[in-house]
Every structure is written in C-alpha cells, then in structure tokens.
Amino acid sequence: MMKTIVTLACCAFIAPLAFAQTHKKQTATTEQAITVTGTVVDTKPEEGSAANYQPFKTLVIREDKSNHPGRYVLEGSGYVVNKKGELVQTAIKPGTHVLVYYANAGGSRVIDHVVVD
C-alpha cells in the first residue's frame, strides 16, 4: 500500500513537468523612423460665464476679464465635460461658470472642449 502511495506522489510531481511547454515563441521586431507633418494647433483657455447659444452652434461667454462677450464656434464634436472629466449631456444654462478651450481658425474661435463648474 505504501509503495502505491509513493508511486502516485512521484507521478503527481513529475506530471506537470511532462506536460509543460518547452519551446519559446520567438518574435522579430524592426524599428523604422516615421516622419509626421502637420500644423500645431495651439489651444487656449478662456474663463467666464455662459451667456447663451445664439446663433446656432455658437456659445457666447461673458468673459471674466471684460464686459464684452466672447463668441466661440462649436463645430463637430466639441466636448462638454465637468471638472472630473465626465461627459455632460445636458445643455449649458446661462450663468453657468465655464472654462472654454479653443483654437483660432480663420478669424473665429473654434471650441476644442468646455469644462463646466
């Protein structure tokens, strides 16, 4: 009986080694230089309070530094997020404190994203 137990114990220790993979997968990598060309888009932040969405796709901000409202164009998928970075699905109400990140493009300020307080 003892001989059987010792034999089974030896098999239990040797079996994982017998089924283990002994070859290693080899991969070849190559490095190649890539040149990327384009224009650098300089985004700038502007802080203020939302005035309204007038005209269509234009966010009017009452800038903190001046009495003149700033107009920002919302083209495409400009993101509106809260301070945590979560996407805001509701409309920006007038008087809401916002931080607008925009880029100058062809004489208009195009919104990259808006952070709502």
PDB file of N, CA and C in Angstrom:
ATOM      1  N   MET A   1       0.824  -1.185   0.000  1.00  0.00           N
ATOM      2  CA  MET A   1       0.000   0.000   0.000  1.00  0.00           C
ATOM      3  C   MET A   1       0.871   1.253   0.000  1.00  0.00           C
ATOM      4  N   MET A   2       1.920   1.204   0.794  1.00  0.00           N
ATOM      5  CA  MET A   2       2.815   2.350   0.883  1.00  0.00           C
ATOM      6  C   MET A   2       3.521   2.573  -0.448  1.00  0.00           C
ATOM      7  N   LYS A   3       3.842   1.480  -1.108  1.00  0.00           N
ATOM      8  CA  LYS A   3       4.512   1.569  -2.403  1.00  0.00           C
ATOM      9  C   LYS A   3       3.612   2.269  -3.431  1.00  0.00           C
ATOM     10  N   THR A   4       2.315   2.036  -3.381  1.00  0.00           N
ATOM     11  CA  THR A   4       1.359   2.668  -4.293  1.00  0.00           C
ATOM     12  C   THR A   4       1.253   4.162  -4.018  1.00  0.00           C
ATOM     13  N   ILE A   5       1.216   4.549  -2.780  1.00  0.00           N
ATOM     14  CA  ILE A   5       1.123   5.964  -2.408  1.00  0.00           C
ATOM     15  C   ILE A   5       2.376   6.712  -2.852  1.00  0.00           C
ATOM     16  N   VAL A   6       3.535   6.124  -2.657  1.00  0.00           N
ATOM     17  CA  VAL A   6       4.794   6.754  -3.063  1.00  0.00           C
ATOM     18  C   VAL A   6       4.840   6.886  -4.582  1.00  0.00           C
ATOM     19  N   THR A   7       4.372   5.895  -5.284  1.00  0.00           N
ATOM     20  CA  THR A   7       4.362   5.932  -6.751  1.00  0.00           C
ATOM     21  C   THR A   7       3.427   7.025  -7.254  1.00  0.00           C
ATOM     22  N   LEU A   8       2.248   7.146  -6.671  1.00  0.00           N
ATOM     23  CA  LEU A   8       1.300   8.193  -7.070  1.00  0.00           C
ATOM     24  C   LEU A   8       1.844   9.580  -6.749  1.00  0.00           C
ATOM     25  N   ALA A   9       2.511   9.737  -5.635  1.00  0.00           N
ATOM     26  CA  ALA A   9       3.089  11.025  -5.256  1.00  0.00           C
ATOM     27  C   ALA A   9       4.173  11.430  -6.246  1.00  0.00           C
ATOM     28  N   CYS A  10       5.006  10.481  -6.642  1.00  0.00           N
ATOM     29  CA  CYS A  10       6.057  10.771  -7.628  1.00  0.00           C
ATOM     30  C   CYS A  10       5.444  11.168  -8.964  1.00  0.00           C
ATOM     31  N   CYS A  11       4.391  10.495  -9.372  1.00  0.00           N
ATOM     32  CA  CYS A  11       3.715  10.823 -10.629  1.00  0.00           C
ATOM     33  C   CYS A  11       3.089  12.217 -10.559  1.00  0.00           C
ATOM     34  N   ALA A  12       2.561  12.563  -9.411  1.00  0.00           N
ATOM     35  CA  ALA A  12       1.944  13.875  -9.247  1.00  0.00           C
ATOM     36  C   ALA A  12       2.979  14.993  -9.368  1.00  0.00           C
ATOM     37  N   PHE A  13       4.198  14.769  -8.916  1.00  0.00           N
ATOM     38  CA  PHE A  13       5.255  15.774  -9.028  1.00  0.00           C
ATOM     39  C   PHE A  13       5.848  15.840 -10.430  1.00  0.00           C
ATOM     40  N   ILE A  14       5.912  14.725 -11.125  1.00  0.00           N
ATOM     41  CA  ILE A  14       6.550  14.671 -12.436  1.00  0.00           C
ATOM     42  C   ILE A  14       5.585  15.064 -13.557  1.00  0.00           C
ATOM     43  N   ALA A  15       4.290  14.827 -13.405  1.00  0.00           N
ATOM     44  CA  ALA A  15       3.304  15.069 -14.458  1.00  0.00           C
ATOM     45  C   ALA A  15       3.295  16.527 -14.951  1.00  0.00           C
ATOM     46  N   PRO A  16       3.318  17.529 -14.091  1.00  0.00           N
ATOM     47  CA  PRO A  16       3.326  18.901 -14.611  1.00  0.00           C
ATOM     48  C   PRO A  16       4.555  19.205 -15.461  1.00  0.00           C
ATOM     49  N   LEU A  17       5.682  18.616 -15.139  1.00  0.00           N
ATOM     50  CA  LEU A  17       6.887  18.836 -15.931  1.00  0.00           C
ATOM     51  C   LEU A  17       6.777  18.166 -17.295  1.00  0.00           C
ATOM     52  N   ALA A  18       6.085  17.056 -17.365  1.00  0.00           N
ATOM     53  CA  ALA A  18       5.947  16.341 -18.626  1.00  0.00           C
ATOM     54  C   ALA A  18       5.042  17.084 -19.598  1.00  0.00           C
ATOM     55  N   PHE A  19       4.030  17.793 -19.098  1.00  0.00           N
ATOM     56  CA  PHE A  19       3.087  18.496 -19.958  1.00  0.00           C
ATOM     57  C   PHE A  19       3.445  19.969 -20.172  1.00  0.00           C
ATOM     58  N   ALA A  20       4.490  20.441 -19.549  1.00  0.00           N
ATOM     59  CA  ALA A  20       4.899  21.839 -19.700  1.00  0.00           C
ATOM     60  C   ALA A  20       5.466  22.063 -21.094  1.00  0.00           C
ATOM     61  N   GLN A  21       5.243  23.267 -21.613  1.00  0.00           N
ATOM     62  CA  GLN A  21       5.790  23.605 -22.924  1.00  0.00           C
ATOM     63  C   GLN A  21       7.260  23.957 -22.768  1.00  0.00           C
ATOM     64  N   THR A  22       8.059  23.388 -23.623  1.00  0.00           N
ATOM     65  CA  THR A  22       9.491  23.609 -23.505  1.00  0.00           C
ATOM     66  C   THR A  22      10.032  24.561 -24.553  1.00  0.00           C
ATOM     67  N   HIS A  23       9.249  24.911 -25.582  1.00  0.00           N
ATOM     68  CA  HIS A  23       9.761  25.827 -26.604  1.00  0.00           C
ATOM     69  C   HIS A  23       9.223  27.240 -26.365  1.00  0.00           C
ATOM     70  N   LYS A  24      10.014  28.204 -26.735  1.00  0.00           N
ATOM     71  CA  LYS A  24       9.624  29.593 -26.553  1.00  0.00           C
ATOM     72  C   LYS A  24       9.258  30.184 -27.905  1.00  0.00           C
ATOM     73  N   LYS A  25       8.253  31.041 -27.907  1.00  0.00           N
ATOM     74  CA  LYS A  25       7.833  31.711 -29.131  1.00  0.00           C
ATOM     75  C   LYS A  25       8.772  32.881 -29.378  1.00  0.00           C
ATOM     76  N   GLN A  26       9.351  32.919 -30.554  1.00  0.00           N
ATOM     77  CA  GLN A  26      10.278  33.993 -30.881  1.00  0.00           C
ATOM     78  C   GLN A  26       9.587  34.957 -31.838  1.00  0.00           C
ATOM     79  N   THR A  27       9.783  36.241 -31.583  1.00  0.00           N
ATOM     80  CA  THR A  27       9.220  37.260 -32.461  1.00  0.00           C
ATOM     81  C   THR A  27      10.337  38.171 -32.919  1.00  0.00           C
ATOM     82  N   ALA A  28      10.187  38.660 -34.110  1.00  0.00           N
ATOM     83  CA  ALA A  28      11.177  39.586 -34.656  1.00  0.00           C
ATOM     84  C   ALA A  28      10.558  40.976 -34.718  1.00  0.00           C
ATOM     85  N   THR A  29      11.286  41.968 -34.250  1.00  0.00           N
ATOM     86  CA  THR A  29      10.809  43.341 -34.311  1.00  0.00           C
ATOM     87  C   THR A  29      11.804  44.181 -35.083  1.00  0.00           C
ATOM     88  N   THR A  30      11.275  45.136 -35.793  1.00  0.00           N
ATOM     89  CA  THR A  30      12.136  46.061 -36.524  1.00  0.00           C
ATOM     90  C   THR A  30      11.715  47.472 -36.173  1.00  0.00           C
ATOM     91  N   GLU A  31      12.663  48.358 -36.167  1.00  0.00           N
ATOM     92  CA  GLU A  31      12.384  49.758 -35.900  1.00  0.00           C
ATOM     93  C   GLU A  31      12.538  50.530 -37.192  1.00  0.00           C
ATOM     94  N   GLN A  32      11.585  51.438 -37.406  1.00  0.00           N
ATOM     95  CA  GLN A  32      11.619  52.235 -38.614  1.00  0.00           C
ATOM     96  C   GLN A  32      11.211  53.653 -38.241  1.00  0.00           C
ATOM     97  N   ALA A  33      11.943  54.617 -38.763  1.00  0.00           N
ATOM     98  CA  ALA A  33      11.645  56.014 -38.466  1.00  0.00           C
ATOM     99  C   ALA A  33      10.398  56.454 -39.222  1.00  0.00           C
ATOM    100  N   ILE A  34       9.562  57.245 -38.549  1.00  0.00           N
ATOM    101  CA  ILE A  34       8.341  57.778 -39.148  1.00  0.00           C
ATOM    102  C   ILE A  34       8.386  59.293 -39.031  1.00  0.00           C
ATOM    103  N   THR A  35       8.070  59.971 -40.105  1.00  0.00           N
ATOM    104  CA  THR A  35       8.020  61.426 -40.105  1.00  0.00           C
ATOM    105  C   THR A  35       6.559  61.851 -40.164  1.00  0.00           C
ATOM    106  N   VAL A  36       6.158  62.684 -39.221  1.00  0.00           N
ATOM    107  CA  VAL A  36       4.789  63.182 -39.165  1.00  0.00           C
ATOM    108  C   VAL A  36       4.832  64.675 -39.441  1.00  0.00           C
ATOM    109  N   THR A  37       4.025  65.104 -40.392  1.00  0.00           N
ATOM    110  CA  THR A  37       3.961  66.530 -40.703  1.00  0.00           C
ATOM    111  C   THR A  37       2.550  67.026 -40.442  1.00  0.00           C
ATOM    112  N   GLY A  38       2.454  68.283 -40.109  1.00  0.00           N
ATOM    113  CA  GLY A  38       1.152  68.888 -39.852  1.00  0.00           C
ATOM    114  C   GLY A  38       1.348  70.209 -39.141  1.00  0.00           C
ATOM    115  N   THR A  39       0.248  70.825 -38.831  1.00  0.00           N
ATOM    116  CA  THR A  39       0.316  72.092 -38.125  1.00  0.00           C
ATOM    117  C   THR A  39      -0.008  71.862 -36.659  1.00  0.00           C
ATOM    118  N   VAL A  40       0.644  72.600 -35.819  1.00  0.00           N
ATOM    119  CA  VAL A  40       0.397  72.519 -34.389  1.00  0.00           C
ATOM    120  C   VAL A  40      -0.780  73.438 -34.071  1.00  0.00           C
ATOM    121  N   VAL A  41      -1.790  72.879 -33.449  1.00  0.00           N
ATOM    122  CA  VAL A  41      -2.958  73.655 -33.072  1.00  0.00           C
ATOM    123  C   VAL A  41      -2.770  74.105 -31.638  1.00  0.00           C
ATOM    124  N   ASP A  42      -2.684  75.400 -31.463  1.00  0.00           N
ATOM    125  CA  ASP A  42      -2.466  75.972 -30.145  1.00  0.00           C
ATOM    126  C   ASP A  42      -3.819  76.274 -29.510  1.00  0.00           C
ATOM    127  N   THR A  43      -4.205  75.480 -28.510  1.00  0.00           N
ATOM    128  CA  THR A  43      -5.469  75.737 -27.827  1.00  0.00           C
ATOM    129  C   THR A  43      -5.218  76.643 -26.638  1.00  0.00           C
ATOM    130  N   LYS A  44      -6.158  77.540 -26.407  1.00  0.00           N
ATOM    131  CA  LYS A  44      -6.056  78.497 -25.314  1.00  0.00           C
ATOM    132  C   LYS A  44      -7.295  78.394 -24.438  1.00  0.00           C
ATOM    133  N   PRO A  45      -7.134  78.559 -23.132  1.00  0.00           N
ATOM    134  CA  PRO A  45      -8.313  78.548 -22.267  1.00  0.00           C
ATOM    135  C   PRO A  45      -8.844  79.962 -22.053  1.00  0.00           C
ATOM    136  N   GLU A  46     -10.138  80.073 -21.881  1.00  0.00           N
ATOM    137  CA  GLU A  46     -10.780  81.344 -21.541  1.00  0.00           C
ATOM    138  C   GLU A  46     -11.846  81.041 -20.513  1.00  0.00           C
ATOM    139  N   GLU A  47     -11.856  81.816 -19.424  1.00  0.00           N
ATOM    140  CA  GLU A  47     -12.779  81.570 -18.326  1.00  0.00           C
ATOM    141  C   GLU A  47     -13.880  82.605 -18.348  1.00  0.00           C
ATOM    142  N   GLY A  48     -15.091  82.186 -18.011  1.00  0.00           N
ATOM    143  CA  GLY A  48     -16.210  83.119 -17.973  1.00  0.00           C
ATOM    144  C   GLY A  48     -17.496  82.414 -17.605  1.00  0.00           C
ATOM    145  N   SER A  49     -18.616  83.102 -17.852  1.00  0.00           N
ATOM    146  CA  SER A  49     -19.937  82.539 -17.592  1.00  0.00           C
ATOM    147  C   SER A  49     -20.683  82.424 -18.903  1.00  0.00           C
ATOM    148  N   ALA A  50     -21.390  81.329 -19.071  1.00  0.00           N
ATOM    149  CA  ALA A  50     -22.152  81.122 -20.302  1.00  0.00           C
ATOM    150  C   ALA A  50     -23.264  82.156 -20.383  1.00  0.00           C
ATOM    151  N   ALA A  51     -23.394  82.794 -21.541  1.00  0.00           N
ATOM    152  CA  ALA A  51     -24.478  83.746 -21.751  1.00  0.00           C
ATOM    153  C   ALA A  51     -25.626  83.053 -22.479  1.00  0.00           C
ATOM    154  N   ASN A  52     -25.335  82.456 -23.646  1.00  0.00           N
ATOM    155  CA  ASN A  52     -26.371  81.739 -24.398  1.00  0.00           C
ATOM    156  C   ASN A  52     -25.762  81.013 -25.585  1.00  0.00           C
ATOM    157  N   TYR A  53     -26.613  80.282 -26.303  1.00  0.00           N
ATOM    158  CA  TYR A  53     -26.241  79.631 -27.564  1.00  0.00           C
ATOM    159  C   TYR A  53     -26.912  80.417 -28.689  1.00  0.00           C
ATOM    160  N   GLN A  54     -26.390  81.555 -29.039  1.00  0.00           N
ATOM    161  CA  GLN A  54     -27.026  82.363 -30.069  1.00  0.00           C
ATOM    162  C   GLN A  54     -25.960  82.940 -30.950  1.00  0.00           C
ATOM    163  N   PRO A  55     -25.932  82.771 -32.211  1.00  0.00           N
ATOM    164  CA  PRO A  55     -26.772  81.945 -33.080  1.00  0.00           C
ATOM    165  C   PRO A  55     -26.429  80.468 -32.951  1.00  0.00           C
ATOM    166  N   PHE A  56     -27.021  79.648 -33.805  1.00  0.00           N
ATOM    167  CA  PHE A  56     -26.879  78.192 -33.755  1.00  0.00           C
ATOM    168  C   PHE A  56     -25.402  77.787 -33.763  1.00  0.00           C
ATOM    169  N   LYS A  57     -25.028  76.852 -32.880  1.00  0.00           N
ATOM    170  CA  LYS A  57     -23.673  76.310 -32.724  1.00  0.00           C
ATOM    171  C   LYS A  57     -22.647  77.369 -32.339  1.00  0.00           C
ATOM    172  N   THR A  58     -23.075  78.429 -31.718  1.00  0.00           N
ATOM    173  CA  THR A  58     -22.167  79.457 -31.210  1.00  0.00           C
ATOM    174  C   THR A  58     -22.428  79.617 -29.723  1.00  0.00           C
ATOM    175  N   LEU A  59     -21.390  79.436 -28.913  1.00  0.00           N
ATOM    176  CA  LEU A  59     -21.503  79.605 -27.472  1.00  0.00           C
ATOM    177  C   LEU A  59     -21.008  81.005 -27.138  1.00  0.00           C
ATOM    178  N   VAL A  60     -21.854  81.803 -26.505  1.00  0.00           N
ATOM    179  CA  VAL A  60     -21.480  83.157 -26.108  1.00  0.00           C
ATOM    180  C   VAL A  60     -21.106  83.116 -24.632  1.00  0.00           C
ATOM    181  N   ILE A  61     -19.883  83.596 -24.336  1.00  0.00           N
ATOM    182  CA  ILE A  61     -19.351  83.569 -22.975  1.00  0.00           C
ATOM    183  C   ILE A  61     -19.131  85.000 -22.510  1.00  0.00           C
ATOM    184  N   ARG A  62     -19.608  85.309 -21.319  1.00  0.00           N
ATOM    185  CA  ARG A  62     -19.305  86.595 -20.688  1.00  0.00           C
ATOM    186  C   ARG A  62     -17.981  86.389 -19.978  1.00  0.00           C
ATOM    187  N   GLU A  63     -16.913  86.898 -20.587  1.00  0.00           N
ATOM    188  CA  GLU A  63     -15.566  86.668 -20.080  1.00  0.00           C
ATOM    189  C   GLU A  63     -15.369  87.413 -18.761  1.00  0.00           C
ATOM    190  N   ASP A  64     -14.654  86.779 -17.842  1.00  0.00           N
ATOM    191  CA  ASP A  64     -14.416  87.358 -16.525  1.00  0.00           C
ATOM    192  C   ASP A  64     -13.583  88.626 -16.597  1.00  0.00           C
ATOM    193  N   LYS A  65     -12.681  88.717 -17.584  1.00  0.00           N
ATOM    194  CA  LYS A  65     -11.759  89.842 -17.650  1.00  0.00           C
ATOM    195  C   LYS A  65     -12.349  91.088 -18.298  1.00  0.00           C
ATOM    196  N   SER A  66     -13.460  90.955 -19.018  1.00  0.00           N
ATOM    197  CA  SER A  66     -14.006  92.117 -19.723  1.00  0.00           C
ATOM    198  C   SER A  66     -15.520  92.099 -19.685  1.00  0.00           C
ATOM    199  N   ASN A  67     -16.105  93.199 -20.117  1.00  0.00           N
ATOM    200  CA  ASN A  67     -17.556  93.287 -20.184  1.00  0.00           C
ATOM    201  C   ASN A  67     -18.085  92.837 -21.543  1.00  0.00           C
ATOM    202  N   HIS A  68     -17.177  92.552 -22.459  1.00  0.00           N
ATOM    203  CA  HIS A  68     -17.584  92.158 -23.804  1.00  0.00           C
ATOM    204  C   HIS A  68     -17.722  90.640 -23.879  1.00  0.00           C
ATOM    205  N   PRO A  69     -18.820  90.163 -24.469  1.00  0.00           N
ATOM    206  CA  PRO A  69     -18.963  88.718 -24.597  1.00  0.00           C
ATOM    207  C   PRO A  69     -18.055  88.167 -25.682  1.00  0.00           C
ATOM    208  N   GLY A  70     -17.532  86.969 -25.451  1.00  0.00           N
ATOM    209  CA  GLY A  70     -16.734  86.281 -26.456  1.00  0.00           C
ATOM    210  C   GLY A  70     -17.600  85.260 -27.161  1.00  0.00           C
ATOM    211  N   ARG A  71     -17.385  85.106 -28.449  1.00  0.00           N
ATOM    212  CA  ARG A  71     -18.162  84.140 -29.234  1.00  0.00           C
ATOM    213  C   ARG A  71     -17.244  83.001 -29.653  1.00  0.00           C
ATOM    214  N   TYR A  72     -17.704  81.795 -29.425  1.00  0.00           N
ATOM    215  CA  TYR A  72     -16.934  80.605 -29.745  1.00  0.00           C
ATOM    216  C   TYR A  72     -17.798  79.691 -30.609  1.00  0.00           C
ATOM    217  N   VAL A  73     -17.229  79.178 -31.686  1.00  0.00           N
ATOM    218  CA  VAL A  73     -17.961  78.329 -32.618  1.00  0.00           C
ATOM    219  C   VAL A  73     -17.797  76.874 -32.211  1.00  0.00           C
ATOM    220  N   LEU A  74     -18.901  76.160 -32.150  1.00  0.00           N
ATOM    221  CA  LEU A  74     -18.898  74.744 -31.813  1.00  0.00           C
ATOM    222  C   LEU A  74     -19.113  73.968 -33.105  1.00  0.00           C
ATOM    223  N   GLU A  75     -18.013  73.487 -33.691  1.00  0.00           N
ATOM    224  CA  GLU A  75     -18.086  72.716 -34.932  1.00  0.00           C
ATOM    225  C   GLU A  75     -17.758  71.270 -34.612  1.00  0.00           C
ATOM    226  N   GLY A  76     -18.525  70.374 -35.141  1.00  0.00           N
ATOM    227  CA  GLY A  76     -18.256  68.959 -34.926  1.00  0.00           C
ATOM    228  C   GLY A  76     -18.542  68.549 -33.499  1.00  0.00           C
ATOM    229  N   SER A  77     -17.701  67.661 -33.012  1.00  0.00           N
ATOM    230  CA  SER A  77     -17.949  67.087 -31.684  1.00  0.00           C
ATOM    231  C   SER A  77     -17.104  67.771 -30.624  1.00  0.00           C
ATOM    232  N   GLY A  78     -17.415  69.016 -30.296  1.00  0.00           N
ATOM    233  CA  GLY A  78     -16.763  69.676 -29.171  1.00  0.00           C
ATOM    234  C   GLY A  78     -17.270  69.039 -27.893  1.00  0.00           C
ATOM    235  N   TYR A  79     -16.391  68.735 -26.988  1.00  0.00           N
ATOM    236  CA  TYR A  79     -16.778  68.027 -25.784  1.00  0.00           C
ATOM    237  C   TYR A  79     -17.118  69.002 -24.668  1.00  0.00           C
ATOM    238  N   VAL A  80     -18.182  68.714 -23.940  1.00  0.00           N
ATOM    239  CA  VAL A  80     -18.546  69.453 -22.746  1.00  0.00           C
ATOM    240  C   VAL A  80     -18.410  68.474 -21.595  1.00  0.00           C
ATOM    241  N   VAL A  81     -17.488  68.779 -20.663  1.00  0.00           N
ATOM    242  CA  VAL A  81     -17.215  67.880 -19.546  1.00  0.00           C
ATOM    243  C   VAL A  81     -17.304  68.642 -18.235  1.00  0.00           C
ATOM    244  N   ASN A  82     -17.443  67.909 -17.128  1.00  0.00           N
ATOM    245  CA  ASN A  82     -17.391  68.530 -15.810  1.00  0.00           C
ATOM    246  C   ASN A  82     -15.947  68.492 -15.300  1.00  0.00           C
ATOM    247  N   LYS A  83     -15.711  68.958 -14.072  1.00  0.00           N
ATOM    248  CA  LYS A  83     -14.353  69.010 -13.523  1.00  0.00           C
ATOM    249  C   LYS A  83     -13.706  67.637 -13.398  1.00  0.00           C
ATOM    250  N   LYS A  84     -14.511  66.590 -13.261  1.00  0.00           N
ATOM    251  CA  LYS A  84     -13.994  65.231 -13.140  1.00  0.00           C
ATOM    252  C   LYS A  84     -13.641  64.627 -14.503  1.00  0.00           C
ATOM    253  N   GLY A  85     -14.008  65.333 -15.588  1.00  0.00           N
ATOM    254  CA  GLY A  85     -13.745  64.834 -16.927  1.00  0.00           C
ATOM    255  C   GLY A  85     -14.868  63.988 -17.488  1.00  0.00           C
ATOM    256  N   GLU A  86     -16.005  63.932 -16.788  1.00  0.00           N
ATOM    257  CA  GLU A  86     -17.152  63.154 -17.250  1.00  0.00           C
ATOM    258  C   GLU A  86     -17.947  63.970 -18.273  1.00  0.00           C
ATOM    259  N   LEU A  87     -18.418  63.319 -19.315  1.00  0.00           N
ATOM    260  CA  LEU A  87     -19.159  63.972 -20.377  1.00  0.00           C
ATOM    261  C   LEU A  87     -20.478  64.516 -19.848  1.00  0.00           C
ATOM    262  N   VAL A  88     -20.798  65.783 -20.182  1.00  0.00           N
ATOM    263  CA  VAL A  88     -22.044  66.420 -19.766  1.00  0.00           C
ATOM    264  C   VAL A  88     -23.014  66.336 -20.935  1.00  0.00           C
ATOM    265  N   GLN A  89     -24.183  65.749 -20.719  1.00  0.00           N
ATOM    266  CA  GLN A  89     -25.171  65.558 -21.779  1.00  0.00           C
ATOM    267  C   GLN A  89     -26.226  66.657 -21.804  1.00  0.00           C
ATOM    268  N   THR A  90     -26.340  67.444 -20.743  1.00  0.00           N
ATOM    269  CA  THR A  90     -27.372  68.481 -20.682  1.00  0.00           C
ATOM    270  C   THR A  90     -26.857  69.775 -21.284  1.00  0.00           C
ATOM    271  N   ALA A  91     -27.779  70.681 -21.585  1.00  0.00           N
ATOM    272  CA  ALA A  91     -27.423  71.977 -22.157  1.00  0.00           C
ATOM    273  C   ALA A  91     -26.735  72.844 -21.106  1.00  0.00           C
ATOM    274  N   ILE A  92     -25.886  73.744 -21.559  1.00  0.00           N
ATOM    275  CA  ILE A  92     -25.229  74.692 -20.659  1.00  0.00           C
ATOM    276  C   ILE A  92     -26.207  75.830 -20.414  1.00  0.00           C
ATOM    277  N   LYS A  93     -26.570  76.035 -19.170  1.00  0.00           N
ATOM    278  CA  LYS A  93     -27.540  77.066 -18.832  1.00  0.00           C
ATOM    279  C   LYS A  93     -26.843  78.418 -18.719  1.00  0.00           C
ATOM    280  N   PRO A  94     -27.529  79.504 -19.086  1.00  0.00           N
ATOM    281  CA  PRO A  94     -26.945  80.842 -18.937  1.00  0.00           C
ATOM    282  C   PRO A  94     -26.543  81.101 -17.484  1.00  0.00           C
ATOM    283  N   GLY A  95     -25.370  81.701 -17.291  1.00  0.00           N
ATOM    284  CA  GLY A  95     -24.852  81.991 -15.969  1.00  0.00           C
ATOM    285  C   GLY A  95     -23.938  80.916 -15.410  1.00  0.00           C
ATOM    286  N   THR A  96     -23.867  79.762 -16.067  1.00  0.00           N
ATOM    287  CA  THR A  96     -23.004  78.668 -15.623  1.00  0.00           C
ATOM    288  C   THR A  96     -21.544  79.045 -15.841  1.00  0.00           C
ATOM    289  N   HIS A  97     -20.711  78.849 -14.818  1.00  0.00           N
ATOM    290  CA  HIS A  97     -19.280  79.155 -14.929  1.00  0.00           C
ATOM    291  C   HIS A  97     -18.616  78.081 -15.771  1.00  0.00           C
ATOM    292  N   VAL A  98     -17.895  78.501 -16.828  1.00  0.00           N
ATOM    293  CA  VAL A  98     -17.268  77.562 -17.747  1.00  0.00           C
ATOM    294  C   VAL A  98     -15.832  77.967 -18.027  1.00  0.00           C
ATOM    295  N   LEU A  99     -15.061  77.002 -18.483  1.00  0.00           N
ATOM    296  CA  LEU A  99     -13.698  77.216 -18.961  1.00  0.00           C
ATOM    297  C   LEU A  99     -13.660  76.649 -20.374  1.00  0.00           C
ATOM    298  N   VAL A 100     -13.481  77.533 -21.365  1.00  0.00           N
ATOM    299  CA  VAL A 100     -13.542  77.143 -22.768  1.00  0.00           C
ATOM    300  C   VAL A 100     -12.124  77.008 -23.304  1.00  0.00           C
ATOM    301  N   TYR A 101     -11.809  75.866 -23.895  1.00  0.00           N
ATOM    302  CA  TYR A 101     -10.530  75.655 -24.570  1.00  0.00           C
ATOM    303  C   TYR A 101     -10.809  75.769 -26.059  1.00  0.00           C
ATOM    304  N   TYR A 102     -10.138  76.689 -26.722  1.00  0.00           N
ATOM    305  CA  TYR A 102     -10.437  76.965 -28.118  1.00  0.00           C
ATOM    306  C   TYR A 102      -9.154  77.145 -28.913  1.00  0.00           C
ATOM    307  N   ALA A 103      -9.313  77.138 -30.237  1.00  0.00           N
ATOM    308  CA  ALA A 103      -8.208  77.404 -31.156  1.00  0.00           C
ATOM    309  C   ALA A 103      -8.690  78.439 -32.159  1.00  0.00           C
ATOM    310  N   ASN A 104      -7.811  79.360 -32.520  1.00  0.00           N
ATOM    311  CA  ASN A 104      -8.152  80.346 -33.538  1.00  0.00           C
ATOM    312  C   ASN A 104      -8.042  79.688 -34.901  1.00  0.00           C
ATOM    313  N   ALA A 105      -9.120  79.776 -35.682  1.00  0.00           N
ATOM    314  CA  ALA A 105      -9.133  79.166 -37.018  1.00  0.00           C
ATOM    315  C   ALA A 105      -9.885  80.080 -37.973  1.00  0.00           C
ATOM    316  N   GLY A 106      -9.151  80.716 -38.839  1.00  0.00           N
ATOM    317  CA  GLY A 106      -9.789  81.548 -39.853  1.00  0.00           C
ATOM    318  C   GLY A 106     -10.587  82.703 -39.294  1.00  0.00           C
ATOM    319  N   GLY A 107     -10.118  83.344 -38.279  1.00  0.00           N
ATOM    320  CA  GLY A 107     -10.812  84.501 -37.719  1.00  0.00           C
ATOM    321  C   GLY A 107     -11.897  84.170 -36.710  1.00  0.00           C
ATOM    322  N   SER A 108     -12.182  82.898 -36.480  1.00  0.00           N
ATOM    323  CA  SER A 108     -13.159  82.528 -35.455  1.00  0.00           C
ATOM    324  C   SER A 108     -12.499  81.637 -34.421  1.00  0.00           C
ATOM    325  N   ARG A 109     -13.067  81.618 -33.243  1.00  0.00           N
ATOM    326  CA  ARG A 109     -12.549  80.790 -32.161  1.00  0.00           C
ATOM    327  C   ARG A 109     -13.353  79.496 -32.113  1.00  0.00           C
ATOM    328  N   VAL A 110     -12.708  78.398 -32.466  1.00  0.00           N
ATOM    329  CA  VAL A 110     -13.374  77.091 -32.549  1.00  0.00           C
ATOM    330  C   VAL A 110     -13.135  76.331 -31.250  1.00  0.00           C
ATOM    331  N   ILE A 111     -14.217  75.856 -30.654  1.00  0.00           N
ATOM    332  CA  ILE A 111     -14.149  75.164 -29.364  1.00  0.00           C
ATOM    333  C   ILE A 111     -13.539  73.780 -29.527  1.00  0.00           C
ATOM    334  N   ASP A 112     -12.536  73.494 -28.674  1.00  0.00           N
ATOM    335  CA  ASP A 112     -11.998  72.140 -28.556  1.00  0.00           C
ATOM    336  C   ASP A 112     -12.798  71.383 -27.511  1.00  0.00           C
ATOM    337  N   HIS A 113     -12.885  71.954 -26.307  1.00  0.00           N
ATOM    338  CA  HIS A 113     -13.740  71.386 -25.264  1.00  0.00           C
ATOM    339  C   HIS A 113     -14.090  72.453 -24.246  1.00  0.00           C
ATOM    340  N   VAL A 114     -15.139  72.202 -23.478  1.00  0.00           N
ATOM    341  CA  VAL A 114     -15.646  73.126 -22.455  1.00  0.00           C
ATOM    342  C   VAL A 114     -15.709  72.378 -21.142  1.00  0.00           C
ATOM    343  N   VAL A 115     -15.161  72.995 -20.082  1.00  0.00           N
ATOM    344  CA  VAL A 115     -15.232  72.419 -18.735  1.00  0.00           C
ATOM    345  C   VAL A 115     -16.242  73.228 -17.936  1.00  0.00           C
ATOM    346  N   VAL A 116     -17.281  72.562 -17.451  1.00  0.00           N
ATOM    347  CA  VAL A 116     -18.369  73.201 -16.692  1.00  0.00           C
ATOM    348  C   VAL A 116     -18.109  73.021 -15.209  1.00  0.00           C
ATOM    349  N   ASP A 117     -18.236  74.092 -14.439  1.00  0.00           N
ATOM    350  CA  ASP A 117     -18.094  74.008 -12.971  1.00  0.00           C
ATOM    351  C   ASP A 117     -19.306  73.382 -12.352  1.00  0.00           C
TER     352      ASP A 117
END
